[in-house]
N, C-alpha and C. Protein backbone atom coordinates (compact mmCIF):
# COMPACT_ATOMS: atom_id res chain seq x y z
N UNK A 1 166.24 156.73 158.30
CA UNK A 1 164.92 156.92 157.71
C UNK A 1 165.11 157.25 156.23
N UNK A 2 164.44 156.49 155.36
CA UNK A 2 164.54 156.72 153.93
C UNK A 2 163.33 157.52 153.47
N UNK A 3 163.60 158.65 152.88
CA UNK A 3 162.52 159.48 152.37
C UNK A 3 162.25 159.14 150.91
N UNK A 4 161.00 159.19 150.49
CA UNK A 4 160.71 158.90 149.08
C UNK A 4 161.37 159.95 148.18
N UNK A 5 161.84 159.48 147.05
CA UNK A 5 162.49 160.39 146.09
C UNK A 5 161.43 161.17 145.33
N UNK A 6 161.73 162.41 145.09
CA UNK A 6 160.82 163.23 144.29
C UNK A 6 161.18 163.05 142.83
N UNK A 7 160.17 162.86 142.01
CA UNK A 7 160.40 162.65 140.59
C UNK A 7 161.21 163.82 140.04
N UNK A 8 162.30 163.46 139.38
CA UNK A 8 163.17 164.48 138.79
C UNK A 8 164.29 164.93 139.70
N UNK A 9 164.21 164.60 140.99
CA UNK A 9 165.25 165.00 141.93
C UNK A 9 166.49 164.13 141.79
N UNK A 10 167.57 164.48 142.51
CA UNK A 10 168.82 163.73 142.44
C UNK A 10 168.63 162.29 142.92
N UNK A 11 167.92 162.12 144.00
CA UNK A 11 167.69 160.77 144.51
C UNK A 11 166.89 159.94 143.50
N UNK A 12 165.93 160.56 142.88
CA UNK A 12 165.11 159.89 141.86
C UNK A 12 165.99 159.41 140.70
N UNK A 13 166.86 160.27 140.25
CA UNK A 13 167.74 159.92 139.13
C UNK A 13 168.66 158.76 139.52
N UNK A 14 169.21 158.79 140.75
CA UNK A 14 170.07 157.70 141.22
C UNK A 14 169.30 156.38 141.30
N UNK A 15 168.09 156.43 141.85
CA UNK A 15 167.28 155.22 141.97
C UNK A 15 166.89 154.67 140.60
N UNK A 16 166.58 155.57 139.69
CA UNK A 16 166.22 155.16 138.33
C UNK A 16 167.42 154.50 137.64
N UNK A 17 168.60 155.09 137.78
CA UNK A 17 169.81 154.52 137.17
C UNK A 17 170.14 153.16 137.80
N UNK A 18 169.96 153.05 139.11
CA UNK A 18 170.23 151.78 139.80
C UNK A 18 169.26 150.70 139.31
N UNK A 19 168.00 151.07 139.14
CA UNK A 19 167.01 150.11 138.64
C UNK A 19 167.34 149.69 137.21
N UNK A 20 167.73 150.63 136.38
CA UNK A 20 168.11 150.30 134.99
C UNK A 20 169.31 149.37 134.97
N UNK A 21 170.29 149.61 135.83
CA UNK A 21 171.47 148.75 135.89
C UNK A 21 171.10 147.35 136.37
N UNK A 22 170.19 147.28 137.35
CA UNK A 22 169.76 145.98 137.87
C UNK A 22 169.04 145.18 136.77
N UNK A 23 168.22 145.83 135.97
CA UNK A 23 167.52 145.16 134.87
C UNK A 23 168.54 144.67 133.83
N UNK A 24 169.51 145.50 133.52
CA UNK A 24 170.54 145.11 132.56
C UNK A 24 171.34 143.91 133.08
N UNK A 25 171.71 143.93 134.36
CA UNK A 25 172.43 142.81 134.96
C UNK A 25 171.60 141.53 134.93
N UNK A 26 170.31 141.64 135.26
CA UNK A 26 169.43 140.48 135.24
C UNK A 26 169.31 139.91 133.83
N UNK A 27 169.15 140.78 132.85
CA UNK A 27 169.06 140.33 131.46
C UNK A 27 170.33 139.61 131.04
N UNK A 28 171.48 140.13 131.42
CA UNK A 28 172.75 139.50 131.07
C UNK A 28 172.86 138.11 131.73
N UNK A 29 172.45 138.02 133.00
CA UNK A 29 172.47 136.73 133.70
C UNK A 29 171.54 135.73 133.03
N UNK A 30 170.37 136.19 132.60
CA UNK A 30 169.41 135.30 131.94
C UNK A 30 169.95 134.81 130.59
N UNK A 31 170.61 135.68 129.86
CA UNK A 31 171.19 135.29 128.57
C UNK A 31 172.31 134.27 128.78
N UNK A 32 173.16 134.50 129.79
CA UNK A 32 174.23 133.55 130.10
C UNK A 32 173.67 132.19 130.52
N UNK A 33 172.63 132.21 131.35
CA UNK A 33 172.01 130.97 131.80
C UNK A 33 171.42 130.21 130.62
N UNK A 34 170.73 130.91 129.73
CA UNK A 34 170.13 130.24 128.57
C UNK A 34 171.20 129.70 127.64
N UNK A 35 172.29 130.44 127.46
CA UNK A 35 173.38 129.95 126.62
C UNK A 35 174.00 128.69 127.21
N UNK A 36 174.17 128.66 128.53
CA UNK A 36 174.71 127.47 129.19
C UNK A 36 173.76 126.29 129.02
N UNK A 37 172.46 126.54 129.16
CA UNK A 37 171.47 125.46 128.98
C UNK A 37 171.48 124.95 127.54
N UNK A 38 171.56 125.86 126.59
CA UNK A 38 171.56 125.46 125.18
C UNK A 38 172.80 124.64 124.82
N UNK A 39 173.89 124.87 125.53
CA UNK A 39 175.14 124.15 125.25
C UNK A 39 175.13 122.75 125.84
N UNK A 40 174.25 122.49 126.78
CA UNK A 40 174.19 121.17 127.42
C UNK A 40 173.30 120.24 126.61
N UNK A 41 173.66 118.98 126.55
CA UNK A 41 172.78 118.03 125.85
C UNK A 41 171.56 117.71 126.71
N UNK A 42 170.47 117.46 126.06
CA UNK A 42 169.26 117.05 126.75
C UNK A 42 168.95 115.61 126.39
N UNK A 43 167.79 115.17 126.79
CA UNK A 43 167.35 113.81 126.48
C UNK A 43 166.48 113.87 125.23
N UNK A 44 166.86 113.12 124.22
CA UNK A 44 166.04 113.00 123.01
C UNK A 44 165.15 111.79 123.20
N UNK A 45 163.93 112.02 123.63
CA UNK A 45 162.99 110.93 123.84
C UNK A 45 162.59 110.35 122.48
N UNK A 46 162.27 109.06 122.45
CA UNK A 46 161.87 108.44 121.18
C UNK A 46 160.48 108.91 120.74
N UNK A 47 160.15 108.61 119.51
CA UNK A 47 158.81 108.89 118.99
C UNK A 47 157.80 108.09 119.81
N UNK A 48 156.53 108.47 119.71
CA UNK A 48 155.48 107.79 120.46
C UNK A 48 155.47 106.29 120.16
N UNK A 49 155.29 105.53 121.21
CA UNK A 49 155.17 104.08 121.09
C UNK A 49 153.69 103.72 120.98
N UNK A 50 153.44 102.46 120.78
CA UNK A 50 152.05 101.97 120.74
C UNK A 50 151.38 102.23 122.09
N UNK A 51 152.13 102.01 123.18
CA UNK A 51 151.58 102.30 124.52
C UNK A 51 151.16 103.76 124.63
N UNK A 52 152.00 104.67 124.13
CA UNK A 52 151.69 106.10 124.21
C UNK A 52 150.41 106.38 123.43
N UNK A 53 150.30 105.80 122.24
CA UNK A 53 149.11 106.03 121.43
C UNK A 53 147.85 105.49 122.13
N UNK A 54 147.97 104.32 122.75
CA UNK A 54 146.85 103.76 123.51
C UNK A 54 146.49 104.67 124.68
N UNK A 55 147.51 105.12 125.38
CA UNK A 55 147.30 106.00 126.54
C UNK A 55 146.60 107.29 126.11
N UNK A 56 147.12 107.92 125.07
CA UNK A 56 146.52 109.17 124.59
C UNK A 56 145.07 108.95 124.17
N UNK A 57 144.81 107.85 123.49
CA UNK A 57 143.45 107.56 123.00
C UNK A 57 142.47 107.28 124.13
N UNK A 58 142.97 106.88 125.30
CA UNK A 58 142.11 106.57 126.44
C UNK A 58 141.62 107.81 127.17
N UNK A 59 142.09 108.99 126.77
CA UNK A 59 141.62 110.23 127.40
C UNK A 59 140.11 110.32 127.20
N UNK A 60 139.34 110.47 128.28
CA UNK A 60 137.89 110.38 128.16
C UNK A 60 137.18 111.62 127.58
N UNK A 61 137.92 112.63 127.21
CA UNK A 61 137.31 113.85 126.69
C UNK A 61 137.86 114.15 125.31
N UNK A 62 137.18 115.00 124.59
CA UNK A 62 137.64 115.44 123.28
C UNK A 62 138.61 116.61 123.48
N UNK A 63 139.83 116.49 122.95
CA UNK A 63 140.80 117.56 123.08
C UNK A 63 140.38 118.74 122.21
N UNK A 64 140.71 119.93 122.68
CA UNK A 64 140.48 121.13 121.87
C UNK A 64 141.62 121.27 120.87
N UNK A 65 141.42 122.05 119.82
CA UNK A 65 142.53 122.28 118.89
C UNK A 65 143.77 122.85 119.59
N UNK A 66 143.58 123.76 120.54
CA UNK A 66 144.73 124.32 121.27
C UNK A 66 145.45 123.25 122.09
N UNK A 67 144.71 122.34 122.70
CA UNK A 67 145.33 121.25 123.45
C UNK A 67 146.14 120.35 122.52
N UNK A 68 145.57 120.01 121.39
CA UNK A 68 146.27 119.15 120.43
C UNK A 68 147.56 119.81 119.94
N UNK A 69 147.50 121.11 119.70
CA UNK A 69 148.70 121.84 119.28
C UNK A 69 149.75 121.82 120.38
N UNK A 70 149.33 122.11 121.61
CA UNK A 70 150.27 122.13 122.74
C UNK A 70 150.87 120.75 122.97
N UNK A 71 150.07 119.71 122.90
CA UNK A 71 150.57 118.35 123.10
C UNK A 71 151.60 118.01 122.03
N UNK A 72 151.30 118.33 120.79
CA UNK A 72 152.24 118.06 119.69
C UNK A 72 153.54 118.84 119.89
N UNK A 73 153.44 120.10 120.32
CA UNK A 73 154.63 120.92 120.57
C UNK A 73 155.49 120.34 121.70
N UNK A 74 154.84 119.90 122.77
CA UNK A 74 155.56 119.31 123.90
C UNK A 74 156.30 118.05 123.46
N UNK A 75 155.60 117.18 122.75
CA UNK A 75 156.23 115.93 122.30
C UNK A 75 157.37 116.21 121.33
N UNK A 76 157.19 117.18 120.46
CA UNK A 76 158.26 117.54 119.52
C UNK A 76 159.48 118.04 120.30
N UNK A 77 159.26 118.91 121.28
CA UNK A 77 160.37 119.40 122.12
C UNK A 77 161.06 118.25 122.84
N UNK A 78 160.30 117.29 123.33
CA UNK A 78 160.87 116.18 124.07
C UNK A 78 161.73 115.28 123.18
N UNK A 79 161.48 115.28 121.89
CA UNK A 79 162.23 114.44 120.98
C UNK A 79 163.51 115.10 120.46
N UNK A 80 163.72 116.37 120.82
CA UNK A 80 164.95 117.07 120.46
C UNK A 80 166.03 116.74 121.49
N UNK A 81 167.28 116.84 121.08
CA UNK A 81 168.38 116.50 122.01
C UNK A 81 168.91 117.74 122.74
N UNK A 82 168.00 118.58 123.18
CA UNK A 82 168.38 119.74 123.99
C UNK A 82 167.38 119.85 125.13
N UNK A 83 167.77 120.50 126.22
CA UNK A 83 166.83 120.64 127.33
C UNK A 83 165.56 121.39 126.90
N UNK A 84 164.43 120.91 127.35
CA UNK A 84 163.16 121.53 127.00
C UNK A 84 162.79 122.58 128.04
N UNK A 85 162.41 123.73 127.56
CA UNK A 85 161.83 124.78 128.40
C UNK A 85 160.45 125.05 127.83
N UNK A 86 159.43 124.75 128.58
CA UNK A 86 158.08 125.01 128.08
C UNK A 86 157.22 125.44 129.25
N UNK A 87 156.58 126.57 129.11
CA UNK A 87 155.65 127.08 130.10
C UNK A 87 154.26 126.97 129.51
N UNK A 88 153.40 126.29 130.20
CA UNK A 88 152.03 126.07 129.74
C UNK A 88 151.10 126.89 130.61
N UNK A 89 150.37 127.79 129.98
CA UNK A 89 149.46 128.66 130.73
C UNK A 89 148.03 128.44 130.27
N UNK A 90 147.10 128.52 131.18
CA UNK A 90 145.70 128.40 130.82
C UNK A 90 144.83 128.45 132.06
N UNK A 91 143.56 128.69 131.85
CA UNK A 91 142.61 128.75 132.95
C UNK A 91 142.39 127.37 133.55
N UNK A 92 141.84 127.34 134.74
CA UNK A 92 141.50 126.09 135.42
C UNK A 92 140.52 125.31 134.55
N UNK A 93 140.78 124.01 134.42
CA UNK A 93 139.84 123.15 133.70
C UNK A 93 140.06 123.08 132.20
N UNK A 94 141.22 123.54 131.71
CA UNK A 94 141.46 123.53 130.27
C UNK A 94 142.54 122.54 129.84
N UNK A 95 142.80 121.52 130.67
CA UNK A 95 143.61 120.40 130.24
C UNK A 95 145.11 120.46 130.45
N UNK A 96 145.59 121.38 131.27
CA UNK A 96 147.04 121.46 131.49
C UNK A 96 147.56 120.20 132.17
N UNK A 97 146.81 119.66 133.10
CA UNK A 97 147.25 118.46 133.79
C UNK A 97 147.35 117.29 132.82
N UNK A 98 146.40 117.16 131.92
CA UNK A 98 146.46 116.07 130.94
C UNK A 98 147.70 116.19 130.07
N UNK A 99 148.05 117.41 129.70
CA UNK A 99 149.27 117.59 128.89
C UNK A 99 150.50 117.18 129.69
N UNK A 100 150.53 117.52 130.97
CA UNK A 100 151.64 117.12 131.83
C UNK A 100 151.67 115.60 132.00
N UNK A 101 150.52 114.98 132.12
CA UNK A 101 150.45 113.53 132.26
C UNK A 101 150.96 112.85 130.99
N UNK A 102 150.62 113.37 129.84
CA UNK A 102 151.10 112.77 128.58
C UNK A 102 152.61 112.91 128.44
N UNK A 103 153.14 114.06 128.85
CA UNK A 103 154.60 114.24 128.82
C UNK A 103 155.26 113.27 129.80
N UNK A 104 154.66 113.14 130.98
CA UNK A 104 155.20 112.21 131.98
C UNK A 104 155.17 110.78 131.44
N UNK A 105 154.08 110.40 130.80
CA UNK A 105 153.97 109.06 130.24
C UNK A 105 155.09 108.82 129.22
N UNK A 106 155.31 109.81 128.36
CA UNK A 106 156.36 109.69 127.34
C UNK A 106 157.73 109.46 127.99
N UNK A 107 158.01 110.19 129.05
CA UNK A 107 159.29 110.04 129.75
C UNK A 107 159.40 108.67 130.41
N UNK A 108 158.35 108.24 131.10
CA UNK A 108 158.36 106.95 131.80
C UNK A 108 158.48 105.82 130.78
N UNK A 109 157.73 105.92 129.70
CA UNK A 109 157.75 104.90 128.66
C UNK A 109 159.15 104.74 128.06
N UNK A 110 159.94 105.81 128.11
CA UNK A 110 161.32 105.77 127.61
C UNK A 110 162.32 105.35 128.69
N UNK A 111 161.83 105.03 129.90
CA UNK A 111 162.71 104.53 130.95
C UNK A 111 163.19 105.57 131.94
N UNK A 112 162.57 106.73 131.96
CA UNK A 112 162.99 107.80 132.86
C UNK A 112 161.98 108.02 133.97
N UNK A 113 162.43 108.69 135.03
CA UNK A 113 161.55 109.09 136.12
C UNK A 113 161.07 110.52 135.89
N UNK A 114 159.98 110.86 136.57
CA UNK A 114 159.36 112.18 136.43
C UNK A 114 159.14 112.78 137.81
N UNK A 115 159.47 114.05 137.96
CA UNK A 115 159.17 114.79 139.19
C UNK A 115 158.19 115.91 138.82
N UNK A 116 157.13 116.01 139.61
CA UNK A 116 156.12 117.04 139.38
C UNK A 116 156.09 117.93 140.62
N UNK A 117 156.53 119.16 140.44
CA UNK A 117 156.59 120.12 141.54
C UNK A 117 155.30 120.93 141.55
N UNK A 118 154.62 120.93 142.70
CA UNK A 118 153.35 121.67 142.83
C UNK A 118 153.44 122.62 144.03
N UNK A 119 152.63 123.67 144.03
CA UNK A 119 152.76 124.68 145.09
C UNK A 119 152.10 124.35 146.42
N UNK A 120 151.16 123.40 146.45
CA UNK A 120 150.45 123.14 147.70
C UNK A 120 150.33 121.64 147.97
N UNK A 121 150.17 121.30 149.24
CA UNK A 121 149.99 119.91 149.62
C UNK A 121 148.68 119.35 149.06
N UNK A 122 147.66 120.16 149.01
CA UNK A 122 146.38 119.72 148.47
C UNK A 122 146.52 119.37 146.99
N UNK A 123 147.24 120.21 146.24
CA UNK A 123 147.45 119.94 144.82
C UNK A 123 148.32 118.71 144.62
N UNK A 124 149.27 118.47 145.50
CA UNK A 124 150.11 117.27 145.41
C UNK A 124 149.23 116.02 145.50
N UNK A 125 148.34 116.00 146.46
CA UNK A 125 147.45 114.85 146.61
C UNK A 125 146.47 114.74 145.44
N UNK A 126 145.94 115.85 145.00
CA UNK A 126 145.01 115.84 143.86
C UNK A 126 145.71 115.29 142.61
N UNK A 127 146.93 115.75 142.36
CA UNK A 127 147.66 115.28 141.18
C UNK A 127 148.06 113.80 141.33
N UNK A 128 148.41 113.38 142.53
CA UNK A 128 148.72 111.96 142.75
C UNK A 128 147.53 111.10 142.36
N UNK A 129 146.36 111.51 142.78
CA UNK A 129 145.14 110.75 142.45
C UNK A 129 144.86 110.79 140.95
N UNK A 130 145.02 111.96 140.33
CA UNK A 130 144.75 112.10 138.90
C UNK A 130 145.74 111.29 138.07
N UNK A 131 147.03 111.40 138.37
CA UNK A 131 148.05 110.64 137.64
C UNK A 131 147.80 109.14 137.84
N UNK A 132 147.52 108.73 139.07
CA UNK A 132 147.30 107.31 139.37
C UNK A 132 146.10 106.76 138.62
N UNK A 133 145.01 107.51 138.61
CA UNK A 133 143.81 107.05 137.91
C UNK A 133 144.05 106.99 136.40
N UNK A 134 144.69 108.01 135.89
CA UNK A 134 144.92 108.07 134.44
C UNK A 134 145.88 106.99 133.97
N UNK A 135 146.86 106.61 134.79
CA UNK A 135 147.86 105.62 134.41
C UNK A 135 147.60 104.24 135.02
N UNK A 136 146.40 104.03 135.54
CA UNK A 136 146.06 102.79 136.26
C UNK A 136 146.26 101.53 135.42
N UNK A 137 146.11 101.62 134.13
CA UNK A 137 146.23 100.45 133.26
C UNK A 137 147.68 100.10 132.92
N UNK A 138 148.60 100.86 133.42
CA UNK A 138 150.01 100.67 133.08
C UNK A 138 150.82 100.40 134.35
N UNK A 139 151.93 99.69 134.24
CA UNK A 139 152.69 99.27 135.43
C UNK A 139 153.62 100.35 135.98
N UNK A 140 153.09 101.53 136.21
CA UNK A 140 153.89 102.65 136.70
C UNK A 140 153.59 102.89 138.17
N UNK A 141 154.64 103.24 138.92
CA UNK A 141 154.47 103.54 140.35
C UNK A 141 154.52 105.05 140.55
N UNK A 142 153.47 105.56 141.18
CA UNK A 142 153.30 107.00 141.38
C UNK A 142 153.14 107.27 142.87
N UNK A 143 153.82 108.30 143.36
CA UNK A 143 153.71 108.66 144.77
C UNK A 143 153.75 110.18 144.91
N UNK A 144 153.30 110.62 146.07
CA UNK A 144 153.36 112.05 146.40
C UNK A 144 154.12 112.20 147.71
N UNK A 145 154.76 113.35 147.85
CA UNK A 145 155.49 113.65 149.09
C UNK A 145 155.17 115.08 149.48
N UNK A 146 154.78 115.24 150.74
CA UNK A 146 154.46 116.57 151.27
C UNK A 146 154.47 116.47 152.79
N UNK A 147 154.14 117.54 153.44
CA UNK A 147 154.13 117.53 154.90
C UNK A 147 153.02 116.65 155.46
N UNK A 148 152.06 116.24 154.61
CA UNK A 148 151.00 115.34 155.05
C UNK A 148 151.50 113.91 155.22
N UNK A 149 152.65 113.59 154.64
CA UNK A 149 153.21 112.24 154.74
C UNK A 149 153.91 112.07 156.10
N UNK A 150 153.78 110.90 156.66
CA UNK A 150 154.51 110.61 157.90
C UNK A 150 156.00 110.49 157.57
N UNK A 151 156.81 110.49 158.59
CA UNK A 151 158.25 110.32 158.39
C UNK A 151 158.56 109.01 157.69
N UNK A 152 157.88 107.95 158.08
CA UNK A 152 158.10 106.64 157.47
C UNK A 152 157.70 106.68 155.99
N UNK A 153 156.56 107.28 155.68
CA UNK A 153 156.11 107.38 154.28
C UNK A 153 157.11 108.18 153.45
N UNK A 154 157.60 109.27 154.02
CA UNK A 154 158.58 110.09 153.30
C UNK A 154 159.86 109.31 153.02
N UNK A 155 160.34 108.55 154.02
CA UNK A 155 161.54 107.74 153.82
C UNK A 155 161.33 106.71 152.71
N UNK A 156 160.18 106.07 152.69
CA UNK A 156 159.88 105.07 151.66
C UNK A 156 159.83 105.70 150.27
N UNK A 157 159.22 106.89 150.17
CA UNK A 157 159.14 107.58 148.88
C UNK A 157 160.53 108.00 148.42
N UNK A 158 161.31 108.55 149.32
CA UNK A 158 162.68 108.98 148.98
C UNK A 158 163.52 107.78 148.53
N UNK A 159 163.39 106.67 149.23
CA UNK A 159 164.12 105.45 148.84
C UNK A 159 163.66 104.96 147.46
N UNK A 160 162.35 105.01 147.20
CA UNK A 160 161.82 104.58 145.90
C UNK A 160 162.32 105.44 144.76
N UNK A 161 162.42 106.74 144.99
CA UNK A 161 162.93 107.64 143.95
C UNK A 161 164.41 107.36 143.69
N UNK A 162 165.18 107.18 144.76
CA UNK A 162 166.62 106.95 144.62
C UNK A 162 166.93 105.60 143.98
N UNK A 163 166.12 104.60 144.25
CA UNK A 163 166.39 103.25 143.72
C UNK A 163 165.85 103.07 142.31
N UNK A 164 164.97 103.99 141.88
CA UNK A 164 164.35 103.86 140.56
C UNK A 164 163.05 103.08 140.60
N UNK A 165 162.62 102.65 141.77
CA UNK A 165 161.37 101.90 141.90
C UNK A 165 160.16 102.79 141.68
N UNK A 166 160.33 104.08 141.81
CA UNK A 166 159.26 105.06 141.66
C UNK A 166 159.37 105.72 140.29
N UNK A 167 158.27 105.76 139.56
CA UNK A 167 158.27 106.36 138.23
C UNK A 167 157.92 107.85 138.26
N UNK A 168 156.94 108.23 139.08
CA UNK A 168 156.51 109.62 139.18
C UNK A 168 156.49 110.02 140.64
N UNK A 169 157.14 111.13 140.95
CA UNK A 169 157.08 111.70 142.29
C UNK A 169 156.48 113.08 142.19
N UNK A 170 155.36 113.25 142.85
CA UNK A 170 154.64 114.52 142.86
C UNK A 170 154.80 115.11 144.25
N UNK A 171 155.15 116.39 144.31
CA UNK A 171 155.30 116.96 145.63
C UNK A 171 155.48 118.46 145.65
N UNK A 172 155.44 118.95 146.85
CA UNK A 172 155.68 120.37 147.10
C UNK A 172 157.19 120.60 147.08
N UNK A 173 157.62 121.70 147.66
CA UNK A 173 159.05 122.02 147.72
C UNK A 173 159.87 120.91 148.37
N UNK A 174 159.22 119.96 149.03
CA UNK A 174 159.92 118.82 149.64
C UNK A 174 160.73 118.05 148.60
N UNK A 175 160.26 118.07 147.35
CA UNK A 175 160.98 117.40 146.26
C UNK A 175 162.40 117.98 146.09
N UNK A 176 162.56 119.25 146.41
CA UNK A 176 163.85 119.92 146.21
C UNK A 176 164.80 119.72 147.40
N UNK A 177 164.40 118.94 148.38
CA UNK A 177 165.25 118.69 149.54
C UNK A 177 166.49 117.90 149.13
N UNK A 178 167.61 118.12 149.80
CA UNK A 178 168.86 117.45 149.42
C UNK A 178 168.79 115.93 149.50
N UNK A 179 167.91 115.39 150.33
CA UNK A 179 167.83 113.93 150.46
C UNK A 179 166.99 113.28 149.36
N UNK A 180 166.30 114.06 148.55
CA UNK A 180 165.48 113.50 147.47
C UNK A 180 166.35 113.41 146.20
N UNK A 181 166.72 112.19 145.87
CA UNK A 181 167.55 111.92 144.71
C UNK A 181 166.81 110.97 143.78
N UNK A 182 167.10 111.04 142.51
CA UNK A 182 166.45 110.19 141.53
C UNK A 182 167.49 109.30 140.85
N UNK A 183 167.08 108.09 140.52
CA UNK A 183 167.97 107.15 139.84
C UNK A 183 168.16 107.56 138.38
N UNK A 184 167.11 108.10 137.77
CA UNK A 184 167.16 108.40 136.34
C UNK A 184 166.11 109.45 135.97
N UNK A 185 166.24 110.64 136.53
CA UNK A 185 165.25 111.69 136.30
C UNK A 185 165.34 112.19 134.86
N UNK A 186 164.21 112.21 134.19
CA UNK A 186 164.18 112.65 132.80
C UNK A 186 163.27 113.82 132.54
N UNK A 187 162.36 114.12 133.48
CA UNK A 187 161.42 115.22 133.25
C UNK A 187 161.01 115.82 134.58
N UNK A 188 161.06 117.13 134.64
CA UNK A 188 160.58 117.87 135.82
C UNK A 188 159.49 118.79 135.35
């Protein structure tokens, strides 16, 4: 039976020191991981093509200044020859999906595949529909994989990703399964 530590007591001091050491260890691991990532080469995607400009212009809404800044930052990061780390935060309905779609388009246009990891099966299907509708004018193949797919559908999607026939794969944690391989993954 573990009793709660009293603030200022010996157990409290030990727990506090253990927590401080754990934070220090985690920080050191994060610094090492980032240094290793920085040392690895990334994909330097080319500047926007005419297709990209047409695609961006076809967005049916007016972008906000914040969206335009974020889109420019993402594209700039993608054109550097180091791995991109970018976390995009915002409320529902403020264009995060469109920014992800534009990044995906840039990767596909450069000859790479894209994997989109989502937390729920419903979101996987919603994003499949959104990506498909938004990219309908272009010859890109988009699929989703989740527990809603039959075994046959999952096998076909996995084969398409491995052969390079699939440009965008959207899915839940199923994407991280050992049997899901990509021919030329360029963006996650």
